[in-house]
Amino acid sequence: MAQSGKSIKVGLTYEDINYEDITPYEMKFTGSGVFVEDQQRTTYITADWFRIRHDSVNNQIVYQKRNSELEYITFYTHSGTTDGRHLFLDTSFYNEGGRINDISMVN
């Protein structure tokens, strides 16, 4: 995260949508909390690194945060499974001046 204190949503979705609805696989960063499925799952500070990973073996979405050893640790596994379609990366910024650094999508 480039900064804390700004409301930002990052997620994987099946289609182009708007800020109100990055579903079904979103992380919402607000204040110092990271919310998934409308519940706070972890906290963050500026410069923390996160990843949303599609585990194609079992069609699950896992949410990960990088630790001090630079390893990504799963902090939450989505309650549902994907339906096998391709997913798109989507971001939404609620506050003017909000930003994310070094975002990428890999296959």
PDB file of N, CA and C in Angstrom:
ATOM      1  N   MET A   1       0.839  -1.175   0.000  1.00  0.00           N
ATOM      2  CA  MET A   1       0.000   0.000   0.000  1.00  0.00           C
ATOM      3  C   MET A   1       0.882   1.235   0.000  1.00  0.00           C
ATOM      4  N   ALA A   2       0.544   2.149  -0.865  1.00  0.00           N
ATOM      5  CA  ALA A   2       1.310   3.382  -0.982  1.00  0.00           C
ATOM      6  C   ALA A   2       1.084   4.303   0.208  1.00  0.00           C
ATOM      7  N   GLN A   3      -0.077   4.204   0.836  1.00  0.00           N
ATOM      8  CA  GLN A   3      -0.394   5.074   1.958  1.00  0.00           C
ATOM      9  C   GLN A   3      -1.522   4.469   2.764  1.00  0.00           C
ATOM     10  N   SER A   4      -1.630   4.871   4.004  1.00  0.00           N
ATOM     11  CA  SER A   4      -2.750   4.419   4.821  1.00  0.00           C
ATOM     12  C   SER A   4      -3.726   5.568   4.999  1.00  0.00           C
ATOM     13  N   GLY A   5      -4.909   5.246   5.486  1.00  0.00           N
ATOM     14  CA  GLY A   5      -5.897   6.278   5.787  1.00  0.00           C
ATOM     15  C   GLY A   5      -6.786   6.680   4.625  1.00  0.00           C
ATOM     16  N   LYS A   6      -6.608   6.101   3.455  1.00  0.00           N
ATOM     17  CA  LYS A   6      -7.461   6.387   2.301  1.00  0.00           C
ATOM     18  C   LYS A   6      -8.253   5.125   1.984  1.00  0.00           C
ATOM     19  N   SER A   7      -9.538   5.264   1.694  1.00  0.00           N
ATOM     20  CA  SER A   7     -10.361   4.098   1.364  1.00  0.00           C
ATOM     21  C   SER A   7     -10.108   3.674  -0.081  1.00  0.00           C
ATOM     22  N   ILE A   8      -9.632   2.447  -0.234  1.00  0.00           N
ATOM     23  CA  ILE A   8      -9.298   1.885  -1.541  1.00  0.00           C
ATOM     24  C   ILE A   8      -9.810   0.455  -1.577  1.00  0.00           C
ATOM     25  N   LYS A   9     -10.344   0.065  -2.722  1.00  0.00           N
ATOM     26  CA  LYS A   9     -10.743  -1.324  -2.927  1.00  0.00           C
ATOM     27  C   LYS A   9      -9.905  -1.912  -4.053  1.00  0.00           C
ATOM     28  N   VAL A  10      -9.458  -3.141  -3.851  1.00  0.00           N
ATOM     29  CA  VAL A  10      -8.722  -3.891  -4.863  1.00  0.00           C
ATOM     30  C   VAL A  10      -9.350  -5.263  -4.911  1.00  0.00           C
ATOM     31  N   GLY A  11      -9.621  -5.753  -6.112  1.00  0.00           N
ATOM     32  CA  GLY A  11     -10.255  -7.053  -6.168  1.00  0.00           C
ATOM     33  C   GLY A  11     -10.181  -7.714  -7.522  1.00  0.00           C
ATOM     34  N   LEU A  12     -10.661  -8.928  -7.528  1.00  0.00           N
ATOM     35  CA  LEU A  12     -10.811  -9.705  -8.750  1.00  0.00           C
ATOM     36  C   LEU A  12     -12.298  -9.836  -9.025  1.00  0.00           C
ATOM     37  N   THR A  13     -12.674  -9.610 -10.263  1.00  0.00           N
ATOM     38  CA  THR A  13     -14.083  -9.606 -10.622  1.00  0.00           C
ATOM     39  C   THR A  13     -14.260 -10.244 -11.989  1.00  0.00           C
ATOM     40  N   TYR A  14     -15.464 -10.644 -12.298  1.00  0.00           N
ATOM     41  CA  TYR A  14     -15.777 -11.253 -13.590  1.00  0.00           C
ATOM     42  C   TYR A  14     -16.105 -10.218 -14.659  1.00  0.00           C
ATOM     43  N   GLU A  15     -16.400  -8.973 -14.250  1.00  0.00           N
ATOM     44  CA  GLU A  15     -16.785  -7.956 -15.226  1.00  0.00           C
ATOM     45  C   GLU A  15     -16.432  -6.570 -14.703  1.00  0.00           C
ATOM     46  N   ASP A  16     -16.473  -5.576 -15.585  1.00  0.00           N
ATOM     47  CA  ASP A  16     -16.186  -4.204 -15.214  1.00  0.00           C
ATOM     48  C   ASP A  16     -17.323  -3.676 -14.338  1.00  0.00           C
ATOM     49  N   ILE A  17     -16.979  -3.085 -13.212  1.00  0.00           N
ATOM     50  CA  ILE A  17     -17.980  -2.603 -12.263  1.00  0.00           C
ATOM     51  C   ILE A  17     -17.562  -1.256 -11.704  1.00  0.00           C
ATOM     52  N   ASN A  18     -18.206  -0.810 -10.620  1.00  0.00           N
ATOM     53  CA  ASN A  18     -17.881   0.489 -10.041  1.00  0.00           C
ATOM     54  C   ASN A  18     -17.459   0.340  -8.580  1.00  0.00           C
ATOM     55  N   TYR A  19     -17.137   1.465  -7.927  1.00  0.00           N
ATOM     56  CA  TYR A  19     -16.609   1.439  -6.559  1.00  0.00           C
ATOM     57  C   TYR A  19     -17.523   0.710  -5.583  1.00  0.00           C
ATOM     58  N   GLU A  20     -18.797   0.855  -5.766  1.00  0.00           N
ATOM     59  CA  GLU A  20     -19.740   0.252  -4.823  1.00  0.00           C
ATOM     60  C   GLU A  20     -19.764  -1.268  -4.890  1.00  0.00           C
ATOM     61  N   ASP A  21     -19.211  -1.847  -5.954  1.00  0.00           N
ATOM     62  CA  ASP A  21     -19.437  -3.281  -6.148  1.00  0.00           C
ATOM     63  C   ASP A  21     -18.262  -3.985  -6.825  1.00  0.00           C
ATOM     64  N   ILE A  22     -17.094  -4.009  -6.172  1.00  0.00           N
ATOM     65  CA  ILE A  22     -16.000  -4.859  -6.664  1.00  0.00           C
ATOM     66  C   ILE A  22     -16.239  -6.214  -6.019  1.00  0.00           C
ATOM     67  N   THR A  23     -16.979  -7.007  -6.691  1.00  0.00           N
ATOM     68  CA  THR A  23     -17.289  -8.325  -6.147  1.00  0.00           C
ATOM     69  C   THR A  23     -16.980  -9.366  -7.203  1.00  0.00           C
ATOM     70  N   PRO A  24     -16.781 -10.544  -6.885  1.00  0.00           N
ATOM     71  CA  PRO A  24     -16.985 -11.098  -5.540  1.00  0.00           C
ATOM     72  C   PRO A  24     -15.742 -11.145  -4.662  1.00  0.00           C
ATOM     73  N   TYR A  25     -14.570 -10.826  -5.207  1.00  0.00           N
ATOM     74  CA  TYR A  25     -13.331 -11.062  -4.457  1.00  0.00           C
ATOM     75  C   TYR A  25     -12.582  -9.751  -4.234  1.00  0.00           C
ATOM     76  N   GLU A  26     -12.949  -9.024  -3.182  1.00  0.00           N
ATOM     77  CA  GLU A  26     -12.357  -7.713  -2.951  1.00  0.00           C
ATOM     78  C   GLU A  26     -11.716  -7.619  -1.582  1.00  0.00           C
ATOM     79  N   MET A  27     -10.717  -6.717  -1.512  1.00  0.00           N
ATOM     80  CA  MET A  27     -10.150  -6.268  -0.249  1.00  0.00           C
ATOM     81  C   MET A  27     -10.431  -4.779  -0.177  1.00  0.00           C
ATOM     82  N   LYS A  28     -10.985  -4.335   0.934  1.00  0.00           N
ATOM     83  CA  LYS A  28     -11.209  -2.907   1.137  1.00  0.00           C
ATOM     84  C   LYS A  28     -10.252  -2.437   2.224  1.00  0.00           C
ATOM     85  N   PHE A  29      -9.440  -1.448   1.868  1.00  0.00           N
ATOM     86  CA  PHE A  29      -8.505  -0.845   2.801  1.00  0.00           C
ATOM     87  C   PHE A  29      -9.134   0.448   3.285  1.00  0.00           C
ATOM     88  N   THR A  30      -9.391   0.535   4.564  1.00  0.00           N
ATOM     89  CA  THR A  30      -9.970   1.753   5.127  1.00  0.00           C
ATOM     90  C   THR A  30      -9.427   1.944   6.541  1.00  0.00           C
ATOM     91  N   GLY A  31      -9.029   3.185   6.855  1.00  0.00           N
ATOM     92  CA  GLY A  31      -8.364   3.420   8.133  1.00  0.00           C
ATOM     93  C   GLY A  31      -7.091   2.603   8.184  1.00  0.00           C
ATOM     94  N   SER A  32      -6.990   1.701   9.139  1.00  0.00           N
ATOM     95  CA  SER A  32      -5.847   0.788   9.210  1.00  0.00           C
ATOM     96  C   SER A  32      -6.289  -0.664   9.043  1.00  0.00           C
ATOM     97  N   GLY A  33      -7.553  -0.871   8.633  1.00  0.00           N
ATOM     98  CA  GLY A  33      -8.083  -2.225   8.507  1.00  0.00           C
ATOM     99  C   GLY A  33      -8.201  -2.695   7.071  1.00  0.00           C
ATOM    100  N   VAL A  34      -8.083  -4.006   6.907  1.00  0.00           N
ATOM    101  CA  VAL A  34      -8.306  -4.659   5.618  1.00  0.00           C
ATOM    102  C   VAL A  34      -9.545  -5.539   5.784  1.00  0.00           C
ATOM    103  N   PHE A  35     -10.577  -5.225   4.993  1.00  0.00           N
ATOM    104  CA  PHE A  35     -11.853  -5.916   5.093  1.00  0.00           C
ATOM    105  C   PHE A  35     -12.047  -6.844   3.899  1.00  0.00           C
ATOM    106  N   VAL A  36     -12.451  -8.069   4.181  1.00  0.00           N
ATOM    107  CA  VAL A  36     -12.813  -9.046   3.154  1.00  0.00           C
ATOM    108  C   VAL A  36     -14.146  -9.631   3.578  1.00  0.00           C
ATOM    109  N   GLU A  37     -15.068  -9.713   2.643  1.00  0.00           N
ATOM    110  CA  GLU A  37     -16.422 -10.202   2.935  1.00  0.00           C
ATOM    111  C   GLU A  37     -17.028  -9.434   4.126  1.00  0.00           C
ATOM    112  N   ASP A  38     -16.834  -8.107   4.109  1.00  0.00           N
ATOM    113  CA  ASP A  38     -17.423  -7.176   5.076  1.00  0.00           C
ATOM    114  C   ASP A  38     -16.950  -7.346   6.515  1.00  0.00           C
ATOM    115  N   GLN A  39     -15.842  -8.032   6.733  1.00  0.00           N
ATOM    116  CA  GLN A  39     -15.286  -8.152   8.077  1.00  0.00           C
ATOM    117  C   GLN A  39     -13.802  -7.826   8.039  1.00  0.00           C
ATOM    118  N   GLN A  40     -13.318  -7.159   9.098  1.00  0.00           N
ATOM    119  CA  GLN A  40     -11.890  -6.867   9.159  1.00  0.00           C
ATOM    120  C   GLN A  40     -11.136  -8.161   9.373  1.00  0.00           C
ATOM    121  N   ARG A  41     -10.175  -8.429   8.477  1.00  0.00           N
ATOM    122  CA  ARG A  41      -9.405  -9.677   8.530  1.00  0.00           C
ATOM    123  C   ARG A  41      -7.961  -9.466   8.973  1.00  0.00           C
ATOM    124  N   THR A  42      -7.429  -8.256   8.766  1.00  0.00           N
ATOM    125  CA  THR A  42      -6.073  -7.920   9.198  1.00  0.00           C
ATOM    126  C   THR A  42      -5.941  -6.405   9.215  1.00  0.00           C
ATOM    127  N   THR A  43      -4.791  -5.925   9.580  1.00  0.00           N
ATOM    128  CA  THR A  43      -4.510  -4.491   9.582  1.00  0.00           C
ATOM    129  C   THR A  43      -3.368  -4.211   8.611  1.00  0.00           C
ATOM    130  N   TYR A  44      -3.145  -2.923   8.347  1.00  0.00           N
ATOM    131  CA  TYR A  44      -2.043  -2.562   7.468  1.00  0.00           C
ATOM    132  C   TYR A  44      -1.507  -1.188   7.824  1.00  0.00           C
ATOM    133  N   ILE A  45      -0.300  -0.951   7.348  1.00  0.00           N
ATOM    134  CA  ILE A  45       0.320   0.362   7.421  1.00  0.00           C
ATOM    135  C   ILE A  45       0.898   0.666   6.038  1.00  0.00           C
ATOM    136  N   THR A  46       1.259   1.918   5.836  1.00  0.00           N
ATOM    137  CA  THR A  46       1.890   2.304   4.578  1.00  0.00           C
ATOM    138  C   THR A  46       3.093   1.406   4.316  1.00  0.00           C
ATOM    139  N   ALA A  47       3.236   0.963   3.082  1.00  0.00           N
ATOM    140  CA  ALA A  47       4.341   0.126   2.586  1.00  0.00           C
ATOM    141  C   ALA A  47       4.116  -1.368   2.802  1.00  0.00           C
ATOM    142  N   ASP A  48       2.999  -1.789   3.392  1.00  0.00           N
ATOM    143  CA  ASP A  48       2.689  -3.225   3.440  1.00  0.00           C
ATOM    144  C   ASP A  48       2.376  -3.727   2.035  1.00  0.00           C
ATOM    145  N   TRP A  49       2.674  -4.983   1.783  1.00  0.00           N
ATOM    146  CA  TRP A  49       2.410  -5.624   0.487  1.00  0.00           C
ATOM    147  C   TRP A  49       1.333  -6.686   0.661  1.00  0.00           C
ATOM    148  N   PHE A  50       0.396  -6.728  -0.305  1.00  0.00           N
ATOM    149  CA  PHE A  50      -0.700  -7.688  -0.282  1.00  0.00           C
ATOM    150  C   PHE A  50      -0.813  -8.397  -1.623  1.00  0.00           C
ATOM    151  N   ARG A  51      -1.458  -9.540  -1.595  1.00  0.00           N
ATOM    152  CA  ARG A  51      -1.699 -10.293  -2.819  1.00  0.00           C
ATOM    153  C   ARG A  51      -3.056 -10.991  -2.711  1.00  0.00           C
ATOM    154  N   ILE A  52      -3.797 -10.968  -3.822  1.00  0.00           N
ATOM    155  CA  ILE A  52      -5.007 -11.788  -3.953  1.00  0.00           C
ATOM    156  C   ILE A  52      -4.642 -12.877  -4.956  1.00  0.00           C
ATOM    157  N   ARG A  53      -4.683 -14.110  -4.518  1.00  0.00           N
ATOM    158  CA  ARG A  53      -4.219 -15.210  -5.370  1.00  0.00           C
ATOM    159  C   ARG A  53      -5.354 -16.177  -5.651  1.00  0.00           C
ATOM    160  N   HIS A  54      -5.487 -16.523  -6.927  1.00  0.00           N
ATOM    161  CA  HIS A  54      -6.459 -17.542  -7.330  1.00  0.00           C
ATOM    162  C   HIS A  54      -5.753 -18.885  -7.319  1.00  0.00           C
ATOM    163  N   ASP A  55      -6.150 -19.732  -6.401  1.00  0.00           N
ATOM    164  CA  ASP A  55      -5.614 -21.094  -6.323  1.00  0.00           C
ATOM    165  C   ASP A  55      -6.424 -21.948  -7.288  1.00  0.00           C
ATOM    166  N   SER A  56      -5.891 -22.152  -8.490  1.00  0.00           N
ATOM    167  CA  SER A  56      -6.655 -22.822  -9.541  1.00  0.00           C
ATOM    168  C   SER A  56      -6.846 -24.315  -9.299  1.00  0.00           C
ATOM    169  N   VAL A  57      -6.080 -24.903  -8.405  1.00  0.00           N
ATOM    170  CA  VAL A  57      -6.238 -26.325  -8.103  1.00  0.00           C
ATOM    171  C   VAL A  57      -7.602 -26.592  -7.480  1.00  0.00           C
ATOM    172  N   ASN A  58      -8.000 -25.722  -6.533  1.00  0.00           N
ATOM    173  CA  ASN A  58      -9.296 -25.936  -5.872  1.00  0.00           C
ATOM    174  C   ASN A  58     -10.266 -24.769  -6.085  1.00  0.00           C
ATOM    175  N   ASN A  59      -9.939 -23.871  -7.031  1.00  0.00           N
ATOM    176  CA  ASN A  59     -10.800 -22.720  -7.372  1.00  0.00           C
ATOM    177  C   ASN A  59     -11.129 -21.830  -6.174  1.00  0.00           C
ATOM    178  N   GLN A  60     -10.165 -21.613  -5.309  1.00  0.00           N
ATOM    179  CA  GLN A  60     -10.366 -20.722  -4.172  1.00  0.00           C
ATOM    180  C   GLN A  60      -9.545 -19.451  -4.349  1.00  0.00           C
ATOM    181  N   ILE A  61     -10.007 -18.391  -3.721  1.00  0.00           N
ATOM    182  CA  ILE A  61      -9.295 -17.124  -3.678  1.00  0.00           C
ATOM    183  C   ILE A  61      -8.719 -16.971  -2.280  1.00  0.00           C
ATOM    184  N   VAL A  62      -7.410 -16.713  -2.220  1.00  0.00           N
ATOM    185  CA  VAL A  62      -6.749 -16.501  -0.930  1.00  0.00           C
ATOM    186  C   VAL A  62      -6.190 -15.079  -0.893  1.00  0.00           C
ATOM    187  N   TYR A  63      -6.235 -14.496   0.275  1.00  0.00           N
ATOM    188  CA  TYR A  63      -5.770 -13.141   0.515  1.00  0.00           C
ATOM    189  C   TYR A  63      -4.510 -13.245   1.357  1.00  0.00           C
ATOM    190  N   GLN A  64      -3.444 -12.607   0.877  1.00  0.00           N
ATOM    191  CA  GLN A  64      -2.153 -12.775   1.525  1.00  0.00           C
ATOM    192  C   GLN A  64      -1.497 -11.427   1.817  1.00  0.00           C
ATOM    193  N   LYS A  65      -0.679 -11.427   2.868  1.00  0.00           N
ATOM    194  CA  LYS A  65       0.086 -10.249   3.273  1.00  0.00           C
ATOM    195  C   LYS A  65       1.537 -10.679   3.440  1.00  0.00           C
ATOM    196  N   ARG A  66       2.455  -9.839   2.967  1.00  0.00           N
ATOM    197  CA  ARG A  66       3.877 -10.179   3.067  1.00  0.00           C
ATOM    198  C   ARG A  66       4.387  -9.875   4.464  1.00  0.00           C
ATOM    199  N   ASN A  67       5.131 -10.827   5.015  1.00  0.00           N
ATOM    200  CA  ASN A  67       5.669 -10.655   6.371  1.00  0.00           C
ATOM    201  C   ASN A  67       7.086 -10.080   6.324  1.00  0.00           C
ATOM    202  N   SER A  68       7.717  -9.963   7.471  1.00  0.00           N
ATOM    203  CA  SER A  68       9.047  -9.358   7.555  1.00  0.00           C
ATOM    204  C   SER A  68      10.128 -10.196   6.871  1.00  0.00           C
ATOM    205  N   GLU A  69       9.867 -11.480   6.635  1.00  0.00           N
ATOM    206  CA  GLU A  69      10.808 -12.344   5.915  1.00  0.00           C
ATOM    207  C   GLU A  69      10.538 -12.331   4.408  1.00  0.00           C
ATOM    208  N   LEU A  70       9.646 -11.426   3.959  1.00  0.00           N
ATOM    209  CA  LEU A  70       9.271 -11.242   2.552  1.00  0.00           C
ATOM    210  C   LEU A  70       8.537 -12.445   1.973  1.00  0.00           C
ATOM    211  N   GLU A  71       7.864 -13.201   2.818  1.00  0.00           N
ATOM    212  CA  GLU A  71       7.028 -14.318   2.391  1.00  0.00           C
ATOM    213  C   GLU A  71       5.566 -13.897   2.486  1.00  0.00           C
ATOM    214  N   TYR A  72       4.764 -14.359   1.533  1.00  0.00           N
ATOM    215  CA  TYR A  72       3.325 -14.067   1.582  1.00  0.00           C
ATOM    216  C   TYR A  72       2.625 -15.121   2.425  1.00  0.00           C
ATOM    217  N   ILE A  73       1.911 -14.657   3.435  1.00  0.00           N
ATOM    218  CA  ILE A  73       1.192 -15.518   4.364  1.00  0.00           C
ATOM    219  C   ILE A  73      -0.296 -15.282   4.172  1.00  0.00           C
ATOM    220  N   THR A  74      -1.066 -16.358   4.020  1.00  0.00           N
ATOM    221  CA  THR A  74      -2.514 -16.248   3.850  1.00  0.00           C
ATOM    222  C   THR A  74      -3.150 -15.804   5.157  1.00  0.00           C
ATOM    223  N   PHE A  75      -3.908 -14.718   5.084  1.00  0.00           N
ATOM    224  CA  PHE A  75      -4.638 -14.261   6.276  1.00  0.00           C
ATOM    225  C   PHE A  75      -6.131 -14.552   6.158  1.00  0.00           C
ATOM    226  N   TYR A  76      -6.590 -14.932   4.949  1.00  0.00           N
ATOM    227  CA  TYR A  76      -8.002 -15.288   4.789  1.00  0.00           C
ATOM    228  C   TYR A  76      -8.191 -16.053   3.483  1.00  0.00           C
ATOM    229  N   THR A  77      -9.064 -17.036   3.506  1.00  0.00           N
ATOM    230  CA  THR A  77      -9.480 -17.767   2.307  1.00  0.00           C
ATOM    231  C   THR A  77     -10.952 -17.480   2.087  1.00  0.00           C
ATOM    232  N   HIS A  78     -11.300 -17.039   0.879  1.00  0.00           N
ATOM    233  CA  HIS A  78     -12.683 -16.676   0.570  1.00  0.00           C
ATOM    234  C   HIS A  78     -13.611 -17.859   0.814  1.00  0.00           C
ATOM    235  N   SER A  79     -14.808 -17.570   1.290  1.00  0.00           N
ATOM    236  CA  SER A  79     -15.761 -18.634   1.645  1.00  0.00           C
ATOM    237  C   SER A  79     -16.330 -19.361   0.429  1.00  0.00           C
ATOM    238  N   GLY A  80     -16.318 -18.712  -0.741  1.00  0.00           N
ATOM    239  CA  GLY A  80     -16.848 -19.346  -1.952  1.00  0.00           C
ATOM    240  C   GLY A  80     -15.735 -19.837  -2.855  1.00  0.00           C
ATOM    241  N   THR A  81     -16.118 -20.409  -3.975  1.00  0.00           N
ATOM    242  CA  THR A  81     -15.142 -20.828  -4.975  1.00  0.00           C
ATOM    243  C   THR A  81     -15.449 -20.141  -6.296  1.00  0.00           C
ATOM    244  N   THR A  82     -14.442 -20.036  -7.156  1.00  0.00           N
ATOM    245  CA  THR A  82     -14.641 -19.420  -8.461  1.00  0.00           C
ATOM    246  C   THR A  82     -15.380 -20.390  -9.372  1.00  0.00           C
ATOM    247  N   ASP A  83     -15.924 -19.846 -10.454  1.00  0.00           N
ATOM    248  CA  ASP A  83     -16.656 -20.707 -11.386  1.00  0.00           C
ATOM    249  C   ASP A  83     -15.825 -21.082 -12.612  1.00  0.00           C
ATOM    250  N   GLY A  84     -14.521 -20.796 -12.584  1.00  0.00           N
ATOM    251  CA  GLY A  84     -13.640 -21.190 -13.669  1.00  0.00           C
ATOM    252  C   GLY A  84     -13.440 -20.149 -14.753  1.00  0.00           C
ATOM    253  N   ARG A  85     -14.255 -19.078 -14.753  1.00  0.00           N
ATOM    254  CA  ARG A  85     -14.073 -18.017 -15.757  1.00  0.00           C
ATOM    255  C   ARG A  85     -12.828 -17.201 -15.438  1.00  0.00           C
ATOM    256  N   HIS A  86     -12.331 -16.485 -16.449  1.00  0.00           N
ATOM    257  CA  HIS A  86     -11.215 -15.568 -16.236  1.00  0.00           C
ATOM    258  C   HIS A  86     -11.649 -14.442 -15.314  1.00  0.00           C
ATOM    259  N   LEU A  87     -10.725 -13.964 -14.515  1.00  0.00           N
ATOM    260  CA  LEU A  87     -10.988 -12.869 -13.596  1.00  0.00           C
ATOM    261  C   LEU A  87     -10.216 -11.632 -14.029  1.00  0.00           C
ATOM    262  N   PHE A  88     -10.781 -10.466 -13.770  1.00  0.00           N
ATOM    263  CA  PHE A  88     -10.173  -9.185 -14.084  1.00  0.00           C
ATOM    264  C   PHE A  88      -9.726  -8.521 -12.790  1.00  0.00           C
ATOM    265  N   LEU A  89      -8.630  -7.776 -12.866  1.00  0.00           N
ATOM    266  CA  LEU A  89      -8.176  -6.969 -11.741  1.00  0.00           C
ATOM    267  C   LEU A  89      -8.919  -5.643 -11.781  1.00  0.00           C
ATOM    268  N   ASP A  90      -9.435  -5.198 -10.639  1.00  0.00           N
ATOM    269  CA  ASP A  90     -10.150  -3.933 -10.583  1.00  0.00           C
ATOM    270  C   ASP A  90      -9.742  -3.193  -9.315  1.00  0.00           C
ATOM    271  N   THR A  91      -9.635  -1.885  -9.422  1.00  0.00           N
ATOM    272  CA  THR A  91      -9.340  -1.039  -8.266  1.00  0.00           C
ATOM    273  C   THR A  91     -10.331   0.110  -8.232  1.00  0.00           C
ATOM    274  N   SER A  92     -10.606   0.609  -7.050  1.00  0.00           N
ATOM    275  CA  SER A  92     -11.470   1.778  -6.880  1.00  0.00           C
ATOM    276  C   SER A  92     -10.915   2.631  -5.757  1.00  0.00           C
ATOM    277  N   PHE A  93     -10.917   3.926  -5.986  1.00  0.00           N
ATOM    278  CA  PHE A  93     -10.381   4.879  -5.029  1.00  0.00           C
ATOM    279  C   PHE A  93     -11.509   5.792  -4.563  1.00  0.00           C
ATOM    280  N   TYR A  94     -11.753   5.805  -3.271  1.00  0.00           N
ATOM    281  CA  TYR A  94     -12.818   6.614  -2.714  1.00  0.00           C
ATOM    282  C   TYR A  94     -12.358   8.037  -2.444  1.00  0.00           C
ATOM    283  N   ASN A  95     -11.096   8.202  -2.047  1.00  0.00           N
ATOM    284  CA  ASN A  95     -10.561   9.512  -1.704  1.00  0.00           C
ATOM    285  C   ASN A  95      -9.703  10.068  -2.828  1.00  0.00           C
ATOM    286  N   GLU A  96      -9.840  11.360  -3.081  1.00  0.00           N
ATOM    287  CA  GLU A  96      -8.950  12.014  -4.029  1.00  0.00           C
ATOM    288  C   GLU A  96      -7.519  11.900  -3.503  1.00  0.00           C
ATOM    289  N   GLY A  97      -6.606  11.571  -4.392  1.00  0.00           N
ATOM    290  CA  GLY A  97      -5.212  11.426  -4.004  1.00  0.00           C
ATOM    291  C   GLY A  97      -4.849  10.029  -3.530  1.00  0.00           C
ATOM    292  N   GLY A  98      -5.805   9.113  -3.484  1.00  0.00           N
ATOM    293  CA  GLY A  98      -5.492   7.740  -3.109  1.00  0.00           C
ATOM    294  C   GLY A  98      -4.641   7.088  -4.181  1.00  0.00           C
ATOM    295  N   ARG A  99      -3.744   6.184  -3.772  1.00  0.00           N
ATOM    296  CA  ARG A  99      -2.922   5.524  -4.771  1.00  0.00           C
ATOM    297  C   ARG A  99      -2.428   4.172  -4.278  1.00  0.00           C
ATOM    298  N   ILE A 100      -2.071   3.340  -5.245  1.00  0.00           N
ATOM    299  CA  ILE A 100      -1.473   2.032  -5.011  1.00  0.00           C
ATOM    300  C   ILE A 100      -0.200   1.998  -5.840  1.00  0.00           C
ATOM    301  N   ASN A 101       0.880   1.496  -5.286  1.00  0.00           N
ATOM    302  CA  ASN A 101       2.135   1.364  -6.029  1.00  0.00           C
ATOM    303  C   ASN A 101       2.374  -0.099  -6.396  1.00  0.00           C
ATOM    304  N   ASP A 102       3.027  -0.322  -7.535  1.00  0.00           N
ATOM    305  CA  ASP A 102       3.519  -1.644  -7.932  1.00  0.00           C
ATOM    306  C   ASP A 102       2.433  -2.711  -7.996  1.00  0.00           C
ATOM    307  N   ILE A 103       1.328  -2.409  -8.642  1.00  0.00           N
ATOM    308  CA  ILE A 103       0.273  -3.403  -8.791  1.00  0.00           C
ATOM    309  C   ILE A 103       0.509  -4.179 -10.088  1.00  0.00           C
ATOM    310  N   SER A 104       0.315  -5.476 -10.048  1.00  0.00           N
ATOM    311  CA  SER A 104       0.487  -6.286 -11.255  1.00  0.00           C
ATOM    312  C   SER A 104      -0.414  -7.507 -11.181  1.00  0.00           C
ATOM    313  N   MET A 105      -0.652  -8.074 -12.336  1.00  0.00           N
ATOM    314  CA  MET A 105      -1.440  -9.292 -12.435  1.00  0.00           C
ATOM    315  C   MET A 105      -0.619 -10.281 -13.244  1.00  0.00           C
ATOM    316  N   VAL A 106      -0.437 -11.470 -12.722  1.00  0.00           N
ATOM    317  CA  VAL A 106       0.350 -12.486 -13.403  1.00  0.00           C
ATOM    318  C   VAL A 106      -0.512 -13.719 -13.620  1.00  0.00           C
ATOM    319  N   ASN A 107      -0.184 -14.447 -14.656  1.00  0.00           N
ATOM    320  CA  ASN A 107      -0.933 -15.662 -14.970  1.00  0.00           C
ATOM    321  C   ASN A 107      -0.172 -16.865 -14.507  1.00  0.00           C
TER     322      ASN A 107
END
